[in-house]
Amino acid sequence: MSTVTLRYWAAAKQAAGVAEETISAETLAAALEAALSARERNPPSGADCGLREVLARSSFLVDGTPVGVRAPETVTLPEAAVVEVLPPFAGG
């Protein structure tokens, strides 16, 4: 199991209620599910509870490399990876 950092931006940060968090997971799908499960057990103060919907619309970078159209369950996360969660936003 890898320990990775999820870093949230814009609407993802608002939905998560934190700017970043540390998760243990082997794949991107497992990391996202762990983040969602943590919110269900103990929602952070200020979270807007829309994280699942924001994640469904987001793009992801793993250590600066775009995940693109690959299925999250096929994206293996190396130890100490940084996953950037980038929701759609206006302005280019």
N, C-alpha and C. Protein backbone atom coordinates (compact mmCIF):
# COMPACT_ATOMS: atom_id res chain seq x y z
N MET A 1 0.85 -1.17 0.00
CA MET A 1 0.00 0.00 0.00
C MET A 1 0.89 1.24 0.00
N SER A 2 0.63 2.14 -0.93
CA SER A 2 1.39 3.39 -1.02
C SER A 2 0.72 4.48 -0.21
N THR A 3 1.53 5.33 0.37
CA THR A 3 1.02 6.53 1.04
C THR A 3 1.17 7.67 0.05
N VAL A 4 0.04 8.31 -0.30
CA VAL A 4 0.03 9.35 -1.32
C VAL A 4 -0.66 10.61 -0.78
N THR A 5 -0.40 11.72 -1.43
CA THR A 5 -1.05 12.98 -1.07
C THR A 5 -2.07 13.33 -2.14
N LEU A 6 -3.29 13.59 -1.71
CA LEU A 6 -4.31 14.13 -2.60
C LEU A 6 -4.33 15.63 -2.38
N ARG A 7 -4.15 16.39 -3.45
CA ARG A 7 -4.15 17.85 -3.37
C ARG A 7 -5.36 18.35 -4.17
N TYR A 8 -6.24 19.05 -3.49
CA TYR A 8 -7.49 19.52 -4.08
C TYR A 8 -7.38 20.97 -4.52
N TRP A 9 -7.98 21.29 -5.67
CA TRP A 9 -7.97 22.64 -6.20
C TRP A 9 -9.40 23.12 -6.43
N ALA A 10 -9.61 24.43 -6.26
CA ALA A 10 -10.86 25.12 -6.59
C ALA A 10 -12.07 24.42 -5.97
N ALA A 11 -13.05 24.02 -6.79
CA ALA A 11 -14.28 23.42 -6.27
C ALA A 11 -14.01 22.11 -5.52
N ALA A 12 -12.96 21.39 -5.90
CA ALA A 12 -12.62 20.16 -5.19
C ALA A 12 -12.17 20.47 -3.77
N LYS A 13 -11.42 21.53 -3.61
CA LYS A 13 -10.98 21.96 -2.28
C LYS A 13 -12.18 22.33 -1.42
N GLN A 14 -13.12 23.06 -1.98
CA GLN A 14 -14.32 23.44 -1.24
C GLN A 14 -15.13 22.21 -0.87
N ALA A 15 -15.30 21.29 -1.80
CA ALA A 15 -16.09 20.08 -1.54
C ALA A 15 -15.42 19.18 -0.50
N ALA A 16 -14.09 19.09 -0.56
CA ALA A 16 -13.37 18.23 0.38
C ALA A 16 -13.25 18.86 1.77
N GLY A 17 -13.23 20.18 1.81
CA GLY A 17 -13.08 20.87 3.09
C GLY A 17 -11.64 20.96 3.55
N VAL A 18 -10.71 20.51 2.72
CA VAL A 18 -9.27 20.58 3.02
C VAL A 18 -8.53 20.83 1.71
N ALA A 19 -7.34 21.38 1.81
CA ALA A 19 -6.52 21.62 0.62
C ALA A 19 -5.79 20.36 0.18
N GLU A 20 -5.42 19.53 1.14
CA GLU A 20 -4.76 18.26 0.82
C GLU A 20 -4.89 17.30 1.99
N GLU A 21 -4.67 16.03 1.66
CA GLU A 21 -4.72 15.00 2.69
C GLU A 21 -3.86 13.82 2.26
N THR A 22 -3.47 13.02 3.23
CA THR A 22 -2.68 11.83 2.97
C THR A 22 -3.58 10.61 3.03
N ILE A 23 -3.43 9.74 2.03
CA ILE A 23 -4.26 8.55 1.87
C ILE A 23 -3.34 7.36 1.62
N SER A 24 -3.74 6.19 2.05
CA SER A 24 -3.02 4.95 1.70
C SER A 24 -3.84 4.22 0.64
N ALA A 25 -3.22 3.99 -0.52
CA ALA A 25 -3.93 3.32 -1.61
C ALA A 25 -2.94 2.85 -2.67
N GLU A 26 -3.35 1.83 -3.41
CA GLU A 26 -2.51 1.31 -4.50
C GLU A 26 -2.86 1.92 -5.86
N THR A 27 -4.13 2.32 -6.03
CA THR A 27 -4.57 2.87 -7.31
C THR A 27 -5.27 4.21 -7.09
N LEU A 28 -5.44 4.95 -8.16
CA LEU A 28 -6.16 6.20 -8.08
C LEU A 28 -7.59 5.96 -7.63
N ALA A 29 -8.24 4.94 -8.15
CA ALA A 29 -9.62 4.63 -7.74
C ALA A 29 -9.70 4.37 -6.24
N ALA A 30 -8.76 3.61 -5.71
CA ALA A 30 -8.76 3.30 -4.28
C ALA A 30 -8.51 4.56 -3.45
N ALA A 31 -7.66 5.45 -3.94
CA ALA A 31 -7.39 6.70 -3.21
C ALA A 31 -8.64 7.57 -3.17
N LEU A 32 -9.32 7.69 -4.29
CA LEU A 32 -10.53 8.50 -4.34
C LEU A 32 -11.63 7.91 -3.45
N GLU A 33 -11.76 6.59 -3.48
CA GLU A 33 -12.77 5.95 -2.63
C GLU A 33 -12.42 6.11 -1.15
N ALA A 34 -11.14 6.05 -0.80
CA ALA A 34 -10.73 6.25 0.59
C ALA A 34 -11.06 7.68 1.04
N ALA A 35 -10.85 8.65 0.16
CA ALA A 35 -11.17 10.04 0.50
C ALA A 35 -12.68 10.20 0.71
N LEU A 36 -13.47 9.58 -0.14
CA LEU A 36 -14.93 9.65 0.00
C LEU A 36 -15.39 8.95 1.28
N SER A 37 -14.82 7.81 1.56
CA SER A 37 -15.19 7.07 2.78
C SER A 37 -14.85 7.87 4.03
N ALA A 38 -13.71 8.54 4.01
CA ALA A 38 -13.32 9.36 5.16
C ALA A 38 -14.33 10.48 5.38
N ARG A 39 -14.84 11.08 4.30
CA ARG A 39 -15.84 12.15 4.42
C ARG A 39 -17.15 11.62 5.01
N GLU A 40 -17.51 10.40 4.63
CA GLU A 40 -18.74 9.81 5.14
C GLU A 40 -18.64 9.53 6.64
N ARG A 41 -17.46 9.09 7.08
CA ARG A 41 -17.25 8.79 8.50
C ARG A 41 -17.11 10.04 9.34
N ASN A 42 -16.41 11.05 8.81
CA ASN A 42 -16.09 12.23 9.61
C ASN A 42 -15.95 13.45 8.69
N PRO A 43 -17.07 14.08 8.30
CA PRO A 43 -16.98 15.20 7.36
C PRO A 43 -16.20 16.37 7.96
N PRO A 44 -15.23 16.93 7.22
CA PRO A 44 -14.49 18.08 7.72
C PRO A 44 -15.40 19.30 7.83
N SER A 45 -15.11 20.16 8.77
CA SER A 45 -15.84 21.40 8.91
C SER A 45 -15.64 22.24 7.64
N GLY A 46 -16.71 22.74 7.09
CA GLY A 46 -16.61 23.56 5.90
C GLY A 46 -16.75 22.80 4.60
N ALA A 47 -16.76 21.48 4.64
CA ALA A 47 -16.94 20.71 3.40
C ALA A 47 -18.38 20.87 2.93
N ASP A 48 -18.57 20.92 1.61
CA ASP A 48 -19.93 21.11 1.11
C ASP A 48 -20.60 19.81 0.72
N CYS A 49 -19.98 18.68 1.00
CA CYS A 49 -20.55 17.34 0.81
C CYS A 49 -20.79 16.98 -0.65
N GLY A 50 -20.25 17.72 -1.59
CA GLY A 50 -20.41 17.40 -3.00
C GLY A 50 -19.17 16.79 -3.61
N LEU A 51 -18.32 16.20 -2.79
CA LEU A 51 -17.03 15.71 -3.29
C LEU A 51 -17.21 14.64 -4.36
N ARG A 52 -18.12 13.70 -4.18
CA ARG A 52 -18.30 12.63 -5.16
C ARG A 52 -18.62 13.23 -6.55
N GLU A 53 -19.50 14.22 -6.58
CA GLU A 53 -19.87 14.84 -7.85
C GLU A 53 -18.70 15.60 -8.47
N VAL A 54 -17.94 16.29 -7.63
CA VAL A 54 -16.78 17.04 -8.14
C VAL A 54 -15.73 16.06 -8.68
N LEU A 55 -15.47 14.98 -7.98
CA LEU A 55 -14.48 14.01 -8.46
C LEU A 55 -14.90 13.40 -9.79
N ALA A 56 -16.19 13.19 -9.97
CA ALA A 56 -16.69 12.60 -11.21
C ALA A 56 -16.41 13.50 -12.42
N ARG A 57 -16.29 14.80 -12.20
CA ARG A 57 -16.04 15.75 -13.28
C ARG A 57 -14.58 16.18 -13.38
N SER A 58 -13.75 15.75 -12.45
CA SER A 58 -12.38 16.26 -12.36
C SER A 58 -11.39 15.53 -13.25
N SER A 59 -10.30 16.22 -13.52
CA SER A 59 -9.12 15.63 -14.15
C SER A 59 -8.09 15.40 -13.04
N PHE A 60 -7.14 14.51 -13.30
CA PHE A 60 -6.15 14.17 -12.28
C PHE A 60 -4.75 14.18 -12.88
N LEU A 61 -3.81 14.65 -12.08
CA LEU A 61 -2.39 14.53 -12.40
C LEU A 61 -1.76 13.67 -11.32
N VAL A 62 -0.91 12.75 -11.70
CA VAL A 62 -0.15 11.96 -10.74
C VAL A 62 1.31 12.32 -10.94
N ASP A 63 1.89 12.96 -9.93
CA ASP A 63 3.26 13.45 -10.01
C ASP A 63 3.48 14.29 -11.27
N GLY A 64 2.48 15.13 -11.59
CA GLY A 64 2.59 16.04 -12.71
C GLY A 64 2.21 15.46 -14.06
N THR A 65 1.92 14.17 -14.13
CA THR A 65 1.56 13.53 -15.39
C THR A 65 0.05 13.37 -15.47
N PRO A 66 -0.58 13.87 -16.54
CA PRO A 66 -2.04 13.73 -16.67
C PRO A 66 -2.47 12.26 -16.75
N VAL A 67 -3.54 11.95 -16.04
CA VAL A 67 -4.12 10.61 -16.10
C VAL A 67 -4.86 10.43 -17.42
N GLY A 68 -5.45 11.51 -17.92
CA GLY A 68 -6.16 11.45 -19.19
C GLY A 68 -7.41 10.59 -19.09
N VAL A 69 -7.65 9.78 -20.08
CA VAL A 69 -8.87 8.97 -20.14
C VAL A 69 -8.70 7.59 -19.51
N ARG A 70 -7.54 7.33 -18.93
CA ARG A 70 -7.35 6.01 -18.29
C ARG A 70 -8.32 5.86 -17.13
N ALA A 71 -8.84 4.66 -16.96
CA ALA A 71 -9.73 4.36 -15.84
C ALA A 71 -8.94 4.46 -14.53
N PRO A 72 -9.51 5.11 -13.50
CA PRO A 72 -8.78 5.28 -12.24
C PRO A 72 -8.29 3.96 -11.62
N GLU A 73 -9.02 2.87 -11.85
CA GLU A 73 -8.57 1.60 -11.27
C GLU A 73 -7.34 1.04 -11.98
N THR A 74 -6.98 1.58 -13.13
CA THR A 74 -5.78 1.12 -13.85
C THR A 74 -4.56 1.98 -13.56
N VAL A 75 -4.73 3.06 -12.80
CA VAL A 75 -3.63 3.98 -12.51
C VAL A 75 -3.01 3.61 -11.18
N THR A 76 -1.85 2.98 -11.24
CA THR A 76 -1.11 2.57 -10.04
C THR A 76 -0.39 3.78 -9.46
N LEU A 77 -0.46 3.92 -8.15
CA LEU A 77 0.18 5.06 -7.48
C LEU A 77 1.47 4.61 -6.80
N PRO A 78 2.59 5.24 -7.16
CA PRO A 78 3.85 4.93 -6.48
C PRO A 78 3.87 5.53 -5.08
N GLU A 79 4.73 5.03 -4.24
CA GLU A 79 4.90 5.57 -2.90
C GLU A 79 5.22 7.06 -2.98
N ALA A 80 4.56 7.84 -2.12
CA ALA A 80 4.76 9.28 -1.99
C ALA A 80 4.29 10.08 -3.21
N ALA A 81 3.42 9.48 -4.03
CA ALA A 81 2.88 10.21 -5.19
C ALA A 81 2.04 11.39 -4.72
N VAL A 82 1.97 12.41 -5.56
CA VAL A 82 1.07 13.54 -5.33
C VAL A 82 0.03 13.50 -6.44
N VAL A 83 -1.23 13.41 -6.02
CA VAL A 83 -2.35 13.39 -6.96
C VAL A 83 -3.03 14.76 -6.89
N GLU A 84 -3.02 15.47 -8.00
CA GLU A 84 -3.69 16.77 -8.09
C GLU A 84 -5.10 16.52 -8.61
N VAL A 85 -6.09 17.04 -7.89
CA VAL A 85 -7.50 16.91 -8.28
C VAL A 85 -7.92 18.25 -8.87
N LEU A 86 -8.17 18.26 -10.18
CA LEU A 86 -8.45 19.49 -10.91
C LEU A 86 -9.86 19.49 -11.46
N PRO A 87 -10.79 20.16 -10.78
CA PRO A 87 -12.15 20.24 -11.32
C PRO A 87 -12.18 21.16 -12.53
N PRO A 88 -13.22 21.05 -13.36
CA PRO A 88 -13.31 21.98 -14.48
C PRO A 88 -13.44 23.41 -13.96
N PHE A 89 -12.84 24.33 -14.66
CA PHE A 89 -12.95 25.73 -14.26
C PHE A 89 -12.88 26.60 -15.50
N ALA A 90 -13.44 27.78 -15.42
CA ALA A 90 -13.47 28.70 -16.55
C ALA A 90 -12.18 29.50 -16.63
N GLY A 91 -11.90 30.03 -17.76
CA GLY A 91 -10.79 30.94 -17.89
C GLY A 91 -9.54 30.31 -18.46
N GLY A 92 -9.62 29.05 -18.84
CA GLY A 92 -8.56 28.45 -19.61
C GLY A 92 -7.48 27.78 -18.92
